Amino acid sequence: AHTHHHTDTDISALRKAWGVPDDAPVASFWAGFAVQASRAQVEAAIKQLGTAASCVRLLIVNDTHTCIVAGKPEQCKALVAHLGCDAMPIEQGMAGHCKEA
């Protein structure tokens, strides 16, 4: 398993892409969740939610039942609620996995 760390560049890219103020703490717009759902379910839910999940990224698919998503905490929670599945917050620094970074 590779360990990824936030770099200033990744976070700056996200701030710019998502219109986040420079002084906002990273945790206010970047939180990770392990979601008990398949990749297809997560991708469909992100599509269905549209702008309500515009700041959520599917980062890693662990197996057929678990994905790791990250993004704005309230949007991640909306995604989990939409999926109706279990999710656990995770500590991670994987902004490098998403397309803005």
N, C-alpha and C. Protein backbone atom coordinates (compact mmCIF):
# COMPACT_ATOMS: atom_id res chain seq x y z
N ALA A 1 0.85 -1.20 0.00
CA ALA A 1 0.00 0.00 0.00
C ALA A 1 0.88 1.24 0.00
N HIS A 2 0.53 2.16 -0.85
CA HIS A 2 1.29 3.41 -0.91
C HIS A 2 0.70 4.40 0.08
N THR A 3 1.55 5.18 0.70
CA THR A 3 1.07 6.22 1.59
C THR A 3 1.16 7.54 0.84
N HIS A 4 0.05 8.23 0.76
CA HIS A 4 0.03 9.52 0.07
C HIS A 4 -0.13 10.61 1.10
N HIS A 5 0.58 11.68 0.94
CA HIS A 5 0.46 12.81 1.85
C HIS A 5 -0.03 14.02 1.09
N HIS A 6 -0.79 14.85 1.80
CA HIS A 6 -1.21 16.11 1.18
C HIS A 6 0.03 16.91 0.81
N THR A 7 0.01 17.54 -0.32
CA THR A 7 1.02 18.55 -0.59
C THR A 7 0.28 19.86 -0.74
N ASP A 8 0.97 20.95 -0.55
CA ASP A 8 0.32 22.25 -0.66
C ASP A 8 -0.31 22.42 -2.04
N THR A 9 0.35 21.88 -3.05
CA THR A 9 -0.16 22.03 -4.41
C THR A 9 -1.52 21.37 -4.57
N ASP A 10 -1.67 20.14 -4.06
CA ASP A 10 -2.94 19.42 -4.19
C ASP A 10 -4.07 20.23 -3.56
N ILE A 11 -3.83 20.67 -2.33
CA ILE A 11 -4.86 21.39 -1.59
C ILE A 11 -5.16 22.73 -2.25
N SER A 12 -4.12 23.39 -2.73
CA SER A 12 -4.34 24.66 -3.44
C SER A 12 -5.21 24.44 -4.68
N ALA A 13 -4.96 23.34 -5.38
CA ALA A 13 -5.74 23.03 -6.57
C ALA A 13 -7.20 22.80 -6.22
N LEU A 14 -7.43 22.11 -5.12
CA LEU A 14 -8.81 21.87 -4.69
C LEU A 14 -9.48 23.17 -4.27
N ARG A 15 -8.76 23.98 -3.49
CA ARG A 15 -9.33 25.27 -3.06
C ARG A 15 -9.78 26.08 -4.27
N LYS A 16 -8.91 26.11 -5.29
CA LYS A 16 -9.19 26.89 -6.49
C LYS A 16 -10.40 26.30 -7.23
N ALA A 17 -10.36 24.98 -7.41
CA ALA A 17 -11.42 24.31 -8.16
C ALA A 17 -12.78 24.45 -7.49
N TRP A 18 -12.78 24.41 -6.17
CA TRP A 18 -14.04 24.40 -5.44
C TRP A 18 -14.39 25.75 -4.82
N GLY A 19 -13.57 26.76 -5.06
CA GLY A 19 -13.84 28.09 -4.53
C GLY A 19 -13.78 28.16 -3.01
N VAL A 20 -12.82 27.45 -2.44
CA VAL A 20 -12.67 27.43 -0.98
C VAL A 20 -11.69 28.53 -0.56
N PRO A 21 -12.04 29.33 0.46
CA PRO A 21 -11.12 30.38 0.91
C PRO A 21 -9.78 29.81 1.37
N ASP A 22 -8.71 30.58 1.16
CA ASP A 22 -7.37 30.14 1.54
C ASP A 22 -7.23 29.85 3.02
N ASP A 23 -8.04 30.54 3.84
CA ASP A 23 -7.88 30.35 5.29
C ASP A 23 -8.81 29.27 5.85
N ALA A 24 -9.61 28.63 5.00
CA ALA A 24 -10.50 27.56 5.49
C ALA A 24 -9.65 26.33 5.82
N PRO A 25 -9.90 25.71 6.98
CA PRO A 25 -9.13 24.51 7.32
C PRO A 25 -9.41 23.38 6.33
N VAL A 26 -8.40 22.59 6.05
CA VAL A 26 -8.53 21.49 5.09
C VAL A 26 -9.71 20.59 5.46
N ALA A 27 -9.87 20.30 6.74
CA ALA A 27 -10.94 19.40 7.18
C ALA A 27 -12.33 19.92 6.83
N SER A 28 -12.45 21.22 6.57
CA SER A 28 -13.77 21.77 6.26
C SER A 28 -14.22 21.44 4.83
N PHE A 29 -13.27 21.04 3.98
CA PHE A 29 -13.66 20.72 2.61
C PHE A 29 -13.05 19.43 2.08
N TRP A 30 -12.32 18.71 2.91
CA TRP A 30 -11.72 17.46 2.45
C TRP A 30 -11.79 16.43 3.55
N ALA A 31 -12.76 15.51 3.46
CA ALA A 31 -12.91 14.45 4.44
C ALA A 31 -13.07 13.15 3.67
N GLY A 32 -12.54 12.07 4.22
CA GLY A 32 -12.63 10.78 3.55
C GLY A 32 -13.58 9.84 4.27
N PHE A 33 -14.25 9.02 3.50
CA PHE A 33 -15.18 8.05 4.07
C PHE A 33 -15.03 6.71 3.35
N ALA A 34 -15.01 5.64 4.15
CA ALA A 34 -15.07 4.30 3.58
C ALA A 34 -16.55 3.95 3.49
N VAL A 35 -17.03 3.74 2.27
CA VAL A 35 -18.45 3.55 2.02
C VAL A 35 -18.73 2.10 1.66
N GLN A 36 -19.73 1.50 2.32
CA GLN A 36 -20.07 0.10 2.05
C GLN A 36 -20.99 0.04 0.83
N ALA A 37 -20.41 0.27 -0.34
CA ALA A 37 -21.19 0.23 -1.58
C ALA A 37 -20.22 -0.08 -2.71
N SER A 38 -20.75 -0.57 -3.82
CA SER A 38 -19.90 -0.89 -4.96
C SER A 38 -19.55 0.38 -5.72
N ARG A 39 -18.54 0.28 -6.56
CA ARG A 39 -18.14 1.41 -7.38
C ARG A 39 -19.31 1.90 -8.24
N ALA A 40 -20.05 0.95 -8.84
CA ALA A 40 -21.19 1.32 -9.69
C ALA A 40 -22.24 2.09 -8.91
N GLN A 41 -22.52 1.65 -7.68
CA GLN A 41 -23.51 2.33 -6.84
C GLN A 41 -23.06 3.74 -6.50
N VAL A 42 -21.78 3.86 -6.13
CA VAL A 42 -21.24 5.18 -5.76
C VAL A 42 -21.27 6.12 -6.96
N GLU A 43 -20.81 5.64 -8.11
CA GLU A 43 -20.79 6.49 -9.30
C GLU A 43 -22.21 6.91 -9.70
N ALA A 44 -23.16 5.99 -9.59
CA ALA A 44 -24.56 6.30 -9.94
C ALA A 44 -25.12 7.35 -8.98
N ALA A 45 -24.81 7.19 -7.68
CA ALA A 45 -25.33 8.13 -6.69
C ALA A 45 -24.74 9.52 -6.89
N ILE A 46 -23.44 9.60 -7.21
CA ILE A 46 -22.81 10.90 -7.46
C ILE A 46 -23.49 11.57 -8.65
N LYS A 47 -23.78 10.77 -9.69
CA LYS A 47 -24.44 11.30 -10.89
C LYS A 47 -25.86 11.78 -10.56
N GLN A 48 -26.59 10.98 -9.78
CA GLN A 48 -27.97 11.31 -9.43
C GLN A 48 -28.03 12.58 -8.57
N LEU A 49 -27.07 12.73 -7.66
CA LEU A 49 -27.07 13.90 -6.78
C LEU A 49 -26.63 15.17 -7.52
N GLY A 50 -25.89 15.00 -8.61
CA GLY A 50 -25.49 16.16 -9.40
C GLY A 50 -24.68 17.17 -8.60
N THR A 51 -25.15 18.41 -8.58
CA THR A 51 -24.38 19.47 -7.90
C THR A 51 -24.28 19.22 -6.40
N ALA A 52 -25.20 18.45 -5.83
CA ALA A 52 -25.15 18.15 -4.39
C ALA A 52 -23.96 17.27 -4.04
N ALA A 53 -23.37 16.65 -5.06
CA ALA A 53 -22.18 15.81 -4.83
C ALA A 53 -21.05 16.25 -5.75
N SER A 54 -21.06 17.51 -6.17
CA SER A 54 -20.05 17.98 -7.13
C SER A 54 -18.65 18.05 -6.53
N CYS A 55 -18.56 18.05 -5.20
CA CYS A 55 -17.25 18.09 -4.54
C CYS A 55 -16.96 16.79 -3.82
N VAL A 56 -17.46 15.70 -4.37
CA VAL A 56 -17.14 14.36 -3.85
C VAL A 56 -16.38 13.62 -4.94
N ARG A 57 -15.32 12.94 -4.55
CA ARG A 57 -14.53 12.17 -5.50
C ARG A 57 -14.44 10.72 -5.05
N LEU A 58 -14.61 9.80 -5.99
CA LEU A 58 -14.38 8.39 -5.71
C LEU A 58 -12.87 8.17 -5.85
N LEU A 59 -12.22 7.83 -4.75
CA LEU A 59 -10.76 7.73 -4.77
C LEU A 59 -10.27 6.32 -5.04
N ILE A 60 -10.77 5.38 -4.26
CA ILE A 60 -10.20 4.04 -4.28
C ILE A 60 -11.34 3.04 -4.15
N VAL A 61 -11.28 1.98 -4.94
CA VAL A 61 -12.22 0.88 -4.80
C VAL A 61 -11.46 -0.25 -4.12
N ASN A 62 -11.84 -0.59 -2.89
CA ASN A 62 -11.14 -1.63 -2.15
C ASN A 62 -11.52 -3.02 -2.63
N ASP A 63 -12.79 -3.23 -2.87
CA ASP A 63 -13.28 -4.52 -3.37
C ASP A 63 -14.66 -4.23 -3.93
N THR A 64 -15.46 -5.25 -4.12
CA THR A 64 -16.76 -5.01 -4.75
C THR A 64 -17.77 -4.36 -3.81
N HIS A 65 -17.47 -4.31 -2.52
CA HIS A 65 -18.45 -3.76 -1.58
C HIS A 65 -18.00 -2.49 -0.89
N THR A 66 -16.78 -2.07 -1.08
CA THR A 66 -16.28 -0.92 -0.33
C THR A 66 -15.54 0.04 -1.24
N CYS A 67 -15.86 1.32 -1.12
CA CYS A 67 -15.15 2.36 -1.86
C CYS A 67 -14.70 3.42 -0.87
N ILE A 68 -13.68 4.16 -1.25
CA ILE A 68 -13.29 5.32 -0.45
C ILE A 68 -13.61 6.56 -1.27
N VAL A 69 -14.40 7.43 -0.66
CA VAL A 69 -14.72 8.70 -1.29
C VAL A 69 -14.18 9.81 -0.40
N ALA A 70 -13.94 10.95 -1.00
CA ALA A 70 -13.49 12.09 -0.22
C ALA A 70 -14.01 13.35 -0.87
N GLY A 71 -14.07 14.41 -0.06
CA GLY A 71 -14.53 15.69 -0.57
C GLY A 71 -15.13 16.49 0.56
N LYS A 72 -16.04 17.40 0.20
CA LYS A 72 -16.68 18.23 1.22
C LYS A 72 -17.51 17.33 2.13
N PRO A 73 -17.28 17.46 3.46
CA PRO A 73 -17.93 16.52 4.39
C PRO A 73 -19.44 16.44 4.24
N GLU A 74 -20.11 17.60 4.08
CA GLU A 74 -21.57 17.58 4.00
C GLU A 74 -22.04 16.88 2.72
N GLN A 75 -21.24 16.99 1.65
CA GLN A 75 -21.61 16.32 0.40
C GLN A 75 -21.36 14.82 0.49
N CYS A 76 -20.27 14.44 1.16
CA CYS A 76 -20.01 13.01 1.38
C CYS A 76 -21.14 12.39 2.19
N LYS A 77 -21.60 13.11 3.23
CA LYS A 77 -22.69 12.60 4.06
C LYS A 77 -23.99 12.50 3.27
N ALA A 78 -24.23 13.47 2.38
CA ALA A 78 -25.43 13.42 1.53
C ALA A 78 -25.37 12.20 0.61
N LEU A 79 -24.17 11.90 0.10
CA LEU A 79 -23.97 10.75 -0.77
C LEU A 79 -24.26 9.45 -0.01
N VAL A 80 -23.74 9.36 1.20
CA VAL A 80 -23.95 8.16 2.02
C VAL A 80 -25.43 7.99 2.33
N ALA A 81 -26.11 9.11 2.65
CA ALA A 81 -27.54 9.05 2.95
C ALA A 81 -28.31 8.59 1.71
N HIS A 82 -27.91 9.09 0.54
CA HIS A 82 -28.55 8.72 -0.72
C HIS A 82 -28.36 7.22 -0.99
N LEU A 83 -27.18 6.73 -0.70
CA LEU A 83 -26.88 5.31 -0.91
C LEU A 83 -27.60 4.44 0.12
N GLY A 84 -27.84 5.01 1.29
CA GLY A 84 -28.47 4.26 2.37
C GLY A 84 -27.59 3.14 2.89
N CYS A 85 -26.29 3.38 2.89
CA CYS A 85 -25.35 2.34 3.33
C CYS A 85 -24.52 2.82 4.52
N ASP A 86 -23.75 1.91 5.07
CA ASP A 86 -22.86 2.27 6.16
C ASP A 86 -21.62 2.96 5.60
N ALA A 87 -21.09 3.90 6.38
CA ALA A 87 -19.85 4.56 6.00
C ALA A 87 -19.09 4.92 7.25
N MET A 88 -17.77 4.87 7.15
CA MET A 88 -16.92 5.23 8.28
C MET A 88 -15.98 6.34 7.86
N PRO A 89 -15.90 7.41 8.67
CA PRO A 89 -14.91 8.45 8.37
C PRO A 89 -13.50 7.85 8.46
N ILE A 90 -12.63 8.27 7.57
CA ILE A 90 -11.25 7.78 7.61
C ILE A 90 -10.29 8.96 7.63
N GLU A 91 -9.15 8.70 8.22
CA GLU A 91 -8.07 9.69 8.19
C GLU A 91 -7.32 9.46 6.90
N GLN A 92 -7.22 10.45 6.06
CA GLN A 92 -6.46 10.23 4.85
C GLN A 92 -5.92 11.55 4.30
N GLY A 93 -4.91 11.42 3.48
CA GLY A 93 -4.35 12.59 2.82
C GLY A 93 -4.15 12.24 1.36
N MET A 94 -5.24 11.98 0.69
CA MET A 94 -5.12 11.44 -0.66
C MET A 94 -5.66 12.36 -1.74
N ALA A 95 -5.50 13.65 -1.55
CA ALA A 95 -5.98 14.60 -2.55
C ALA A 95 -5.34 14.36 -3.90
N GLY A 96 -4.15 13.76 -3.90
CA GLY A 96 -3.44 13.48 -5.14
C GLY A 96 -4.19 12.54 -6.07
N HIS A 97 -5.18 11.82 -5.53
CA HIS A 97 -5.94 10.89 -6.35
C HIS A 97 -7.03 11.55 -7.16
N CYS A 98 -7.37 12.79 -6.87
CA CYS A 98 -8.51 13.37 -7.57
C CYS A 98 -8.08 14.27 -8.71
N LYS A 99 -9.00 14.53 -9.61
CA LYS A 99 -8.61 15.09 -10.89
C LYS A 99 -8.12 16.54 -10.81
N GLU A 100 -8.54 17.29 -9.79
CA GLU A 100 -8.08 18.69 -9.72
C GLU A 100 -6.62 18.80 -9.31
N ALA A 101 -6.14 17.79 -8.57
CA ALA A 101 -4.81 17.90 -8.00
C ALA A 101 -3.72 17.55 -9.00
